[in-house]
Protein backbone atom coordinates (compact mmCIF):
# COMPACT_ATOMS: atom_id res chain seq x y z
CA MET A 1 -0.13 -0.31 -0.29
CA SER A 2 1.41 3.71 -0.90
CA ASP A 3 2.59 5.67 2.23
CA ALA A 4 0.36 8.50 0.44
CA ILE A 5 -2.26 9.42 2.42
CA ARG A 6 -5.77 8.42 0.87
CA ARG A 7 -9.08 9.50 1.44
CA LEU A 8 -12.13 7.49 2.07
CA PRO A 9 -12.97 5.09 -0.88
CA ALA A 10 -16.24 6.48 -2.66
CA GLU A 11 -18.36 3.48 -0.74
CA LEU A 12 -17.33 4.86 2.59
CA LEU A 13 -18.12 8.40 1.53
CA LEU A 14 -21.75 7.47 1.01
CA PHE A 15 -21.86 5.27 4.06
CA CYS A 16 -21.18 8.56 5.96
CA ARG A 17 -23.47 10.36 4.00
CA VAL A 18 -26.33 8.19 4.00
CA THR A 19 -25.83 7.26 7.76
CA LEU A 20 -25.30 11.10 8.95
CA TRP A 21 -28.21 12.33 7.13
CA ALA A 22 -30.56 9.79 8.02
CA SER A 23 -29.48 9.94 11.76
CA VAL A 24 -30.61 13.66 11.28
CA ALA A 25 -33.80 13.19 10.15
CA ALA A 26 -34.90 10.41 12.40
CA TRP A 27 -34.11 12.44 15.39
CA SER A 28 -35.17 15.72 13.70
CA LEU A 29 -38.87 14.02 13.19
CA ALA A 30 -38.75 12.71 16.96
CA PHE A 31 -37.70 16.71 17.69
CA ILE A 32 -40.46 18.01 15.35
CA ALA A 33 -43.58 15.41 16.70
CA GLY A 34 -42.40 16.41 20.27
CA SER A 35 -42.27 20.29 19.20
CA VAL A 36 -46.19 19.90 17.88
CA GLY A 37 -47.26 17.32 20.48
CA LEU A 38 -47.75 14.33 18.61
CA PRO A 39 -47.70 10.75 20.90
CA PHE A 40 -44.69 8.23 21.20
CA PRO A 41 -43.73 6.61 19.41
CA TYR A 42 -43.31 9.85 16.88
CA ASN A 43 -41.97 11.79 19.24
CA TRP A 44 -39.10 8.91 20.41
CA PRO A 45 -37.42 6.56 18.58
CA MET A 46 -36.67 4.49 21.87
CA LEU A 47 -39.71 2.92 24.28
CA SER A 48 -41.21 5.31 25.75
CA THR A 49 -41.34 4.38 29.51
CA ASP A 50 -39.84 1.58 31.65
CA ALA A 51 -36.16 2.64 30.68
CA LEU A 52 -33.50 -0.23 31.97
CA HIS A 53 -36.55 -2.89 32.43
CA ASP A 54 -34.66 -5.28 30.88
CA TYR A 55 -31.51 -4.69 33.56
CA TRP A 56 -33.85 -4.75 36.53
CA ASN A 57 -36.55 -7.73 35.15
CA TYR A 58 -34.66 -10.58 36.64
CA ILE A 59 -33.61 -8.53 40.06
CA ASP A 60 -36.49 -10.27 42.27
CA ARG A 61 -35.81 -13.82 40.61
CA PHE A 62 -32.39 -13.98 41.02
CA LYS A 63 -33.25 -13.80 44.59
CA LEU A 64 -34.40 -17.68 43.99
CA LEU A 65 -31.38 -18.90 42.06
CA HIS A 66 -30.39 -22.24 42.85
CA THR A 67 -33.69 -23.23 44.10
CA SER A 68 -36.44 -25.02 41.70
CA ALA A 69 -38.38 -21.24 42.67
CA PHE A 70 -36.58 -19.35 40.56
CA PHE A 71 -38.20 -20.77 37.17
CA THR A 72 -41.71 -21.37 39.18
CA ALA A 73 -42.32 -18.32 40.81
CA PRO A 74 -44.47 -15.78 39.36
CA GLY A 75 -44.07 -12.98 37.41
CA TYR A 76 -41.92 -12.49 33.83
CA PRO A 77 -40.27 -16.12 33.17
CA PHE A 78 -36.42 -16.52 32.57
CA THR A 79 -35.58 -16.74 28.91
CA TYR A 80 -32.21 -16.97 27.79
CA PRO A 81 -29.93 -20.06 27.87
CA ALA A 82 -28.46 -21.05 30.69
CA PRO A 83 -25.21 -19.35 30.04
CA ALA A 84 -26.81 -15.95 30.39
CA VAL A 85 -27.81 -16.73 33.94
CA VAL A 86 -24.00 -16.67 34.92
CA LEU A 87 -23.87 -13.08 33.14
CA TYR A 88 -26.78 -11.75 34.76
CA LYS A 89 -25.67 -12.95 37.74
CA PHE A 90 -22.24 -11.51 37.79
CA LEU A 91 -24.13 -8.01 37.46
CA TYR A 92 -26.35 -8.55 40.08
CA PHE A 93 -23.22 -9.71 42.43
CA PHE A 94 -22.48 -5.65 42.81
CA GLY A 95 -25.77 -4.74 43.65
CA MET A 96 -28.84 -3.63 41.85
CA SER A 97 -26.82 0.65 41.31
CA GLY A 98 -23.74 -1.42 41.70
CA GLY A 99 -24.10 -3.50 38.80
CA PHE A 100 -25.60 -1.66 36.37
CA LEU A 101 -22.46 0.72 36.68
CA VAL A 102 -20.55 -2.35 36.20
CA TYR A 103 -22.25 -2.91 33.20
CA LEU A 104 -22.13 0.46 31.98
CA ILE A 105 -18.37 0.40 32.72
CA LEU A 106 -17.95 -2.82 30.94
CA ILE A 107 -19.61 -1.12 27.82
CA LEU A 108 -17.91 2.10 27.42
CA ALA A 109 -14.34 -0.61 27.80
CA ALA A 110 -15.28 -1.97 25.01
CA LEU A 111 -16.37 1.06 22.61
CA ALA A 112 -13.00 2.76 23.85
CA PHE A 113 -11.04 -0.61 22.91
CA ALA A 114 -13.11 -0.64 19.66
CA PHE A 115 -12.26 3.34 18.74
CA MET A 116 -8.50 2.88 18.83
CA ARG A 117 -8.38 -0.60 17.29
CA ILE A 118 -10.36 0.68 14.46
CA ARG A 119 -8.34 4.26 14.38
CA ASP A 120 -5.04 2.37 14.64
CA GLU A 121 -5.93 0.23 11.72
CA LEU A 122 -7.39 2.99 9.65
CA LEU A 123 -4.36 4.90 10.32
CA LEU A 124 -1.91 1.86 9.00
CA ARG A 125 -4.06 2.00 5.62
CA GLY A 126 -2.91 5.27 5.64
CA LEU A 127 -5.52 7.37 6.08
CA PRO A 128 -4.99 10.58 8.44
CA LYS A 129 -6.11 11.33 11.70
CA ALA A 130 -8.98 13.24 10.88
CA LEU A 131 -10.47 10.73 9.32
CA ALA A 132 -8.95 7.72 11.47
CA LYS A 133 -10.90 8.95 14.29
CA GLY A 134 -14.10 10.77 12.68
CA LEU A 135 -15.61 7.71 11.17
CA PRO A 136 -15.59 5.23 13.76
CA LEU A 137 -16.84 8.58 16.01
CA LEU A 138 -19.66 8.47 13.81
CA ILE A 139 -20.45 4.96 13.36
CA LEU A 140 -20.88 5.37 16.99
CA VAL A 141 -22.44 8.37 17.74
CA ALA A 142 -25.13 7.66 15.17
CA SER A 143 -25.57 3.88 16.26
CA TYR A 144 -29.49 3.20 17.18
CA PRO A 145 -28.84 0.01 18.47
CA ILE A 146 -26.13 0.60 20.50
CA ILE A 147 -28.57 3.77 22.13
CA PHE A 148 -31.35 1.62 22.38
CA CYS A 149 -29.45 -1.10 24.73
CA ILE A 150 -28.39 0.77 27.09
CA GLN A 151 -31.47 2.78 27.49
CA ARG A 152 -33.02 -0.67 27.90
CA GLY A 153 -30.55 -1.99 29.91
CA ASN A 154 -30.35 -5.13 28.30
CA LEU A 155 -27.25 -7.47 28.58
CA GLU A 156 -27.03 -8.84 24.57
CA ILE A 157 -25.29 -5.71 24.16
CA LEU A 158 -21.95 -7.63 26.24
CA ILE A 159 -23.08 -11.10 24.29
CA ALA A 160 -22.62 -8.88 20.74
CA ILE A 161 -18.90 -7.51 22.15
CA GLY A 162 -18.02 -11.29 22.97
CA LEU A 163 -18.90 -12.36 19.32
CA ALA A 164 -17.38 -9.45 17.93
CA LEU A 165 -14.07 -10.23 19.78
CA GLY A 166 -14.40 -13.74 18.20
CA THR A 167 -15.14 -12.73 14.51
CA TRP A 168 -12.04 -10.32 14.96
CA ALA A 169 -9.75 -13.37 16.02
CA TYR A 170 -10.87 -14.91 13.37
CA TRP A 171 -10.66 -11.96 10.31
CA ARG A 172 -6.90 -12.19 12.05
CA GLY A 173 -6.04 -15.51 11.52
CA GLN A 174 -6.59 -16.42 15.04
CA THR A 175 -9.10 -19.31 14.82
CA TRP A 176 -8.61 -21.16 18.10
CA ARG A 177 -9.11 -18.53 19.82
CA ALA A 178 -12.42 -17.56 17.75
CA ALA A 179 -13.31 -20.87 18.23
CA ILE A 180 -13.62 -20.27 22.17
CA LEU A 181 -15.07 -16.89 22.05
CA TRP A 182 -17.91 -18.22 19.50
CA GLY A 183 -18.66 -21.16 21.60
CA VAL A 184 -18.69 -19.75 24.75
CA PHE A 185 -20.98 -16.14 23.81
CA GLY A 186 -22.45 -17.96 21.26
CA SER A 187 -24.03 -20.34 24.09
CA MET A 188 -26.24 -17.20 25.37
CA LYS A 189 -28.44 -16.78 22.60
CA LEU A 190 -27.93 -19.97 20.12
CA TYR A 191 -28.68 -18.90 17.27
CA PRO A 192 -25.18 -16.47 16.83
CA LEU A 193 -23.54 -20.23 16.41
CA LEU A 194 -24.26 -20.48 13.30
CA LEU A 195 -21.12 -18.28 12.68
CA LEU A 196 -18.94 -21.89 13.20
CA ALA A 197 -20.39 -23.12 9.73
CA ILE A 198 -17.16 -20.39 8.09
CA PHE A 199 -14.73 -23.35 10.14
CA LEU A 200 -16.52 -26.09 7.70
CA SER A 201 -15.51 -23.47 4.92
CA PHE A 202 -11.83 -23.63 5.42
CA ARG A 203 -11.88 -27.38 6.49
CA GLN A 204 -11.12 -26.16 9.59
CA TYR A 205 -12.74 -29.23 11.55
CA ARG A 206 -10.65 -29.32 14.79
CA GLN A 207 -11.74 -25.86 15.54
CA PHE A 208 -15.28 -26.59 14.83
CA PHE A 209 -15.39 -29.11 16.96
CA VAL A 210 -13.29 -26.93 19.78
CA SER A 211 -15.78 -24.34 19.40
CA ILE A 212 -19.31 -26.90 19.87
CA LEU A 213 -16.85 -28.29 23.07
CA ALA A 214 -17.05 -24.43 24.46
CA GLY A 215 -20.46 -24.27 24.02
CA VAL A 216 -21.45 -27.27 25.46
CA THR A 217 -19.43 -27.05 28.18
CA THR A 218 -20.56 -23.33 29.57
CA THR A 219 -23.81 -24.76 29.35
CA PHE A 220 -23.31 -27.83 31.44
CA LEU A 221 -21.31 -26.18 33.84
CA SER A 222 -23.62 -23.13 34.09
CA LEU A 223 -26.57 -25.91 34.52
CA LEU A 224 -24.86 -26.93 37.69
CA TYR A 225 -24.39 -24.19 38.63
CA ILE A 226 -28.19 -22.97 38.51
CA GLY A 227 -29.63 -26.01 40.76
CA PRO A 228 -31.18 -26.88 42.25
CA ASP A 229 -29.73 -30.31 40.08
CA LEU A 230 -29.14 -30.76 36.56
CA ARG A 231 -32.62 -32.12 35.48
CA THR A 232 -34.26 -29.54 37.09
CA ALA A 233 -32.09 -26.39 35.89
CA LEU A 234 -32.30 -28.18 32.61
CA ALA A 235 -36.01 -28.43 32.70
CA GLY A 236 -36.49 -25.14 33.54
CA ILE A 237 -34.13 -22.94 31.01
CA LEU A 238 -35.98 -25.17 28.52
CA GLY A 239 -39.37 -24.53 29.97
CA GLY A 240 -38.01 -20.39 29.40
CA LEU A 241 -37.13 -20.44 26.35
CA ASP A 242 -40.66 -22.42 25.34
CA ALA A 243 -41.93 -19.67 27.39
CA PHE A 244 -40.66 -17.15 25.11
CA LEU A 245 -41.75 -18.10 21.85
CA LYS A 246 -45.54 -18.54 23.40
CA LEU A 247 -44.95 -14.50 24.77
CA TYR A 248 -43.48 -13.25 21.37
CA SER A 249 -43.15 -15.94 18.13
CA LEU A 250 -47.11 -17.11 18.97
CA LYS A 251 -48.43 -13.74 19.26
CA ILE A 252 -48.71 -10.36 17.40
CA ASP A 253 -49.31 -7.18 19.55
CA TYR A 254 -47.19 -4.17 20.15
CA TRP A 255 -43.70 -5.37 20.20
CA ILE A 256 -43.93 -7.02 16.59
CA GLY A 257 -42.73 -3.06 15.85
CA PHE A 258 -39.47 -4.09 17.21
CA ASP A 259 -39.53 -7.57 15.91
CA HIS A 260 -37.29 -7.47 12.55
CA SER A 261 -37.15 -11.42 12.01
CA LEU A 262 -38.47 -13.29 8.68
CA PHE A 263 -40.81 -15.30 10.78
CA ALA A 264 -42.59 -11.62 12.19
CA LEU A 265 -43.02 -10.09 8.23
CA LEU A 266 -44.70 -14.46 7.16
CA LYS A 267 -47.19 -13.97 10.20
CA LEU A 268 -48.46 -10.64 9.59
CA ASN A 269 -49.01 -11.99 6.05
CA LEU A 270 -50.13 -15.10 6.04
CA ARG A 271 -53.12 -14.97 8.97
CA ASN A 272 -54.93 -17.77 7.63
CA ILE A 273 -52.22 -19.80 8.75
CA PRO A 274 -52.34 -21.41 12.85
CA LEU A 275 -48.88 -19.32 14.21
CA PRO A 276 -47.56 -22.65 15.61
CA ALA A 277 -48.30 -24.71 12.08
CA LEU A 278 -46.94 -21.56 10.59
CA LEU A 279 -43.95 -21.99 13.03
CA HIS A 280 -43.07 -25.56 12.63
CA GLY A 281 -43.25 -24.84 8.45
CA TYR A 282 -40.86 -22.06 8.55
CA MET A 283 -38.17 -23.60 10.75
CA LEU A 284 -38.35 -27.35 8.91
CA THR A 285 -38.26 -24.91 5.27
CA LEU A 286 -35.54 -22.63 6.87
CA ALA A 287 -33.11 -25.90 7.80
CA VAL A 288 -33.37 -26.99 4.32
CA VAL A 289 -32.86 -23.28 2.61
CA MET A 290 -29.99 -22.70 4.33
CA LEU A 291 -27.81 -25.95 4.29
CA ALA A 292 -28.69 -25.43 0.65
CA LEU A 293 -27.60 -22.33 0.46
CA TYR A 294 -24.17 -23.23 2.50
CA PHE A 295 -23.32 -25.84 0.28
CA VAL A 296 -24.11 -24.62 -3.24
CA ARG A 297 -23.15 -20.60 -2.29
CA ILE A 298 -22.23 -19.78 0.63
CA ARG A 299 -19.01 -21.49 1.64
CA LYS A 300 -17.63 -20.85 -1.76
CA LEU A 301 -17.33 -16.61 -0.85
CA PRO A 302 -14.73 -14.80 0.35
CA VAL A 303 -14.18 -14.63 4.55
CA ALA A 304 -16.07 -10.59 4.70
CA ASN A 305 -19.14 -12.70 2.85
CA GLN A 306 -19.37 -15.41 4.89
CA LEU A 307 -19.09 -13.80 8.28
CA LEU A 308 -21.68 -11.19 7.22
CA ILE A 309 -24.19 -13.65 5.84
CA LEU A 310 -23.71 -15.73 8.60
CA THR A 311 -24.47 -13.00 11.01
CA ILE A 312 -27.82 -11.87 9.16
CA ALA A 313 -29.08 -15.77 9.59
CA SER A 314 -28.25 -15.39 13.35
CA ILE A 315 -30.04 -12.10 13.80
CA LEU A 316 -33.58 -12.86 11.04
CA LEU A 317 -33.81 -16.18 11.00
CA PRO A 318 -34.93 -16.90 14.56
CA PRO A 319 -38.94 -16.91 15.07
CA THR A 320 -38.64 -13.36 17.37
CA SER A 321 -35.49 -10.97 16.64
CA SER A 322 -35.54 -7.74 18.85
CA ASP A 323 -33.43 -4.52 17.72
CA TYR A 324 -31.10 -5.93 19.77
CA THR A 325 -29.39 -8.06 17.99
CA LEU A 326 -28.73 -6.06 15.38
CA LEU A 327 -25.57 -4.93 17.54
CA GLN A 328 -24.17 -8.18 16.04
CA LEU A 329 -23.81 -6.77 12.48
CA TYR A 330 -20.84 -3.93 13.59
CA ALA A 331 -18.78 -6.63 13.24
CA PRO A 332 -18.75 -7.76 9.85
CA PHE A 333 -19.55 -4.04 8.53
CA ILE A 334 -16.22 -3.02 10.34
CA LEU A 335 -14.35 -6.03 8.24
CA LEU A 336 -16.37 -4.47 5.02
CA VAL A 337 -14.60 -0.88 5.83
CA PHE A 338 -10.91 -2.73 5.78
CA VAL A 339 -11.95 -4.65 2.88
CA ALA A 340 -13.12 -1.02 1.07
CA ILE A 341 -10.13 0.22 1.81
CA ASP A 342 -7.75 -2.29 1.07
CA ALA A 343 -9.48 -2.59 -2.54
CA ARG A 344 -7.52 -1.22 -5.33
CA GLU A 345 -10.36 -1.51 -6.96
CA ARG A 346 -13.98 -0.91 -6.43
CA ILE A 347 -15.79 -3.69 -5.47
CA ALA A 348 -18.78 -4.47 -6.88
CA GLY A 349 -22.21 -4.60 -4.64
CA LEU A 350 -20.35 -3.40 -1.56
CA ALA A 351 -22.06 0.27 -2.19
CA PRO A 352 -25.38 -0.82 -1.50
CA CYS A 353 -24.35 -2.84 0.74
CA LEU A 354 -22.48 -0.32 2.90
CA VAL A 355 -25.91 2.14 2.16
CA LEU A 356 -28.51 -0.86 3.74
CA LEU A 357 -25.88 -1.10 6.81
CA ALA A 358 -26.27 2.57 7.56
CA LEU A 359 -30.42 2.46 7.37
CA LEU A 360 -30.21 -0.36 9.45
CA PHE A 361 -28.53 1.59 12.38
CA THR A 362 -30.78 3.99 12.17
CA PRO A 363 -34.23 3.84 14.39
CA THR A 364 -37.15 3.66 11.98
CA ASN A 365 -39.65 2.86 14.94
CA PHE A 366 -42.04 5.57 14.16
CA TYR A 367 -43.24 3.83 11.38
CA PHE A 368 -46.56 1.93 11.39
CA TYR A 369 -48.76 -0.38 9.11
CA SER A 370 -52.57 -1.72 9.44
CA GLY A 371 -52.51 -0.88 12.99
CA HIS A 372 -48.70 -1.81 14.59
CA GLY A 373 -45.63 -1.00 13.98
CA ALA A 374 -43.55 -1.46 11.07
CA GLY A 375 -40.40 -0.33 11.92
CA GLY A 376 -38.89 -4.65 12.61
CA GLN A 377 -40.60 -5.72 9.17
CA ILE A 378 -38.61 -2.14 7.62
CA LYS A 379 -35.50 -3.70 9.21
CA CYS A 380 -36.30 -7.11 7.69
CA LEU A 381 -36.56 -6.11 4.09
CA LEU A 382 -32.99 -4.20 4.71
CA LEU A 383 -31.39 -7.04 5.76
CA LEU A 384 -33.01 -9.60 3.38
CA GLY A 385 -31.77 -7.22 0.67
CA LEU A 386 -28.03 -7.19 2.41
CA MET A 387 -28.10 -11.00 2.42
CA THR A 388 -29.11 -10.99 -1.22
CA ILE A 389 -26.36 -9.04 -2.37
CA ALA A 390 -23.77 -10.39 -0.22
CA LEU A 391 -24.97 -13.79 -1.53
CA ILE A 392 -24.66 -12.05 -5.05
CA TYR A 393 -21.01 -10.18 -4.76
CA PRO A 394 -18.27 -11.64 -3.40
CA PHE A 395 -16.38 -8.72 -1.57
CA SER A 396 -12.88 -9.39 -2.30
CA SER A 397 -9.84 -7.96 -3.48
CA GLU A 398 -6.21 -9.14 -3.79
CA SER A 399 -4.88 -7.43 -1.01
CA ALA A 400 -8.01 -7.84 1.51
CA SER A 401 -9.91 -11.10 1.74
CA ALA A 402 -7.67 -12.84 -0.42
CA LEU A 403 -4.54 -12.24 2.25
CA VAL A 404 -7.02 -13.27 4.92
CA GLU A 405 -7.76 -16.56 3.59
CA ARG A 406 -4.43 -17.09 2.65
CA GLU A 407 -3.59 -16.86 6.51
CA LEU A 408 -6.74 -18.85 7.45
CA ILE A 409 -5.90 -21.57 5.36
CA ALA A 410 -2.09 -21.37 6.93
CA ALA A 411 -2.90 -21.09 10.83
CA THR A 412 -5.77 -24.54 10.56
């Protein structure tokens, strides 16, 4: 790469413009709506009440931890896989306010670390300091998913940080570290374990099985910790996951506006099919289609494409997927930034891909259709468009993705 100072590629300049103007438009709309007296959601793109609800929601339930009452007590059930219990307990150990302070410190430390690493990588690529600092700062300031997650006090941002560290490690050729990080943090949400398919693409079978082992071990130890015994803990966790399906996936209510899953789009438009039957058919069809796509197309694509597609699949394909999961898009997005800068030529499909990502990082919750929020369905269509582009156009250049792929094969 030339030592001369380089400007941002046209694709990234377009991303910056779309991000800036879309964010300004969204927040200006909220400000104007509030000024003229329009009610929620037009005057505020987040949830208007019950801030930090997701953080405080389980406080009382965790007082019953290690007993069967943890699962059977009245109130909102625990709806995460077993390893998430350990994450919640770690924060609750510091008390109600102290735990939230630790939560904020962890997030700020992770964002500061990400900012410095991205800045350093951009400086190494010849960008001037103003651009190397300004680009990650714009991404951070204009990030609706980060703001939304903190406003709700949701712990999925910590899971997304762990998954992002795994993606970064994989991109750098540290496949064993990626295997452990993806296995541990993927076990807290399950669907992110789709990322492990990339190990199979490059015949990294040992890393694949180590990642599976890391996830299974984390789950097993978490179940032992939850108690009061392994069977009760497993039954209780499975019951909580089933309750989540009944509360959200098998209903159409207010929360549909924050649900960008493909199933949410289908259940809004296929009203003549009972939801349990629709869900069963959806999951079966999904398994067949994704397996076919993987063997026919996905595994043959460059690393950046595969990481983006598998990440999209993990947040688009679950029966319910809220705005928190959009945080997982930032890791493959940053890799696309590096691909765009490293490329010696323009990469087909990259510009529309970055435009769609910019729109996904912008609030859309004040859009309504037929009496319900349509923000989630707008994002669903954006995600489908993003996946289609990533399936069609290889995001590869001789100096970027191809180099990474050679490093990954050498690390096997």
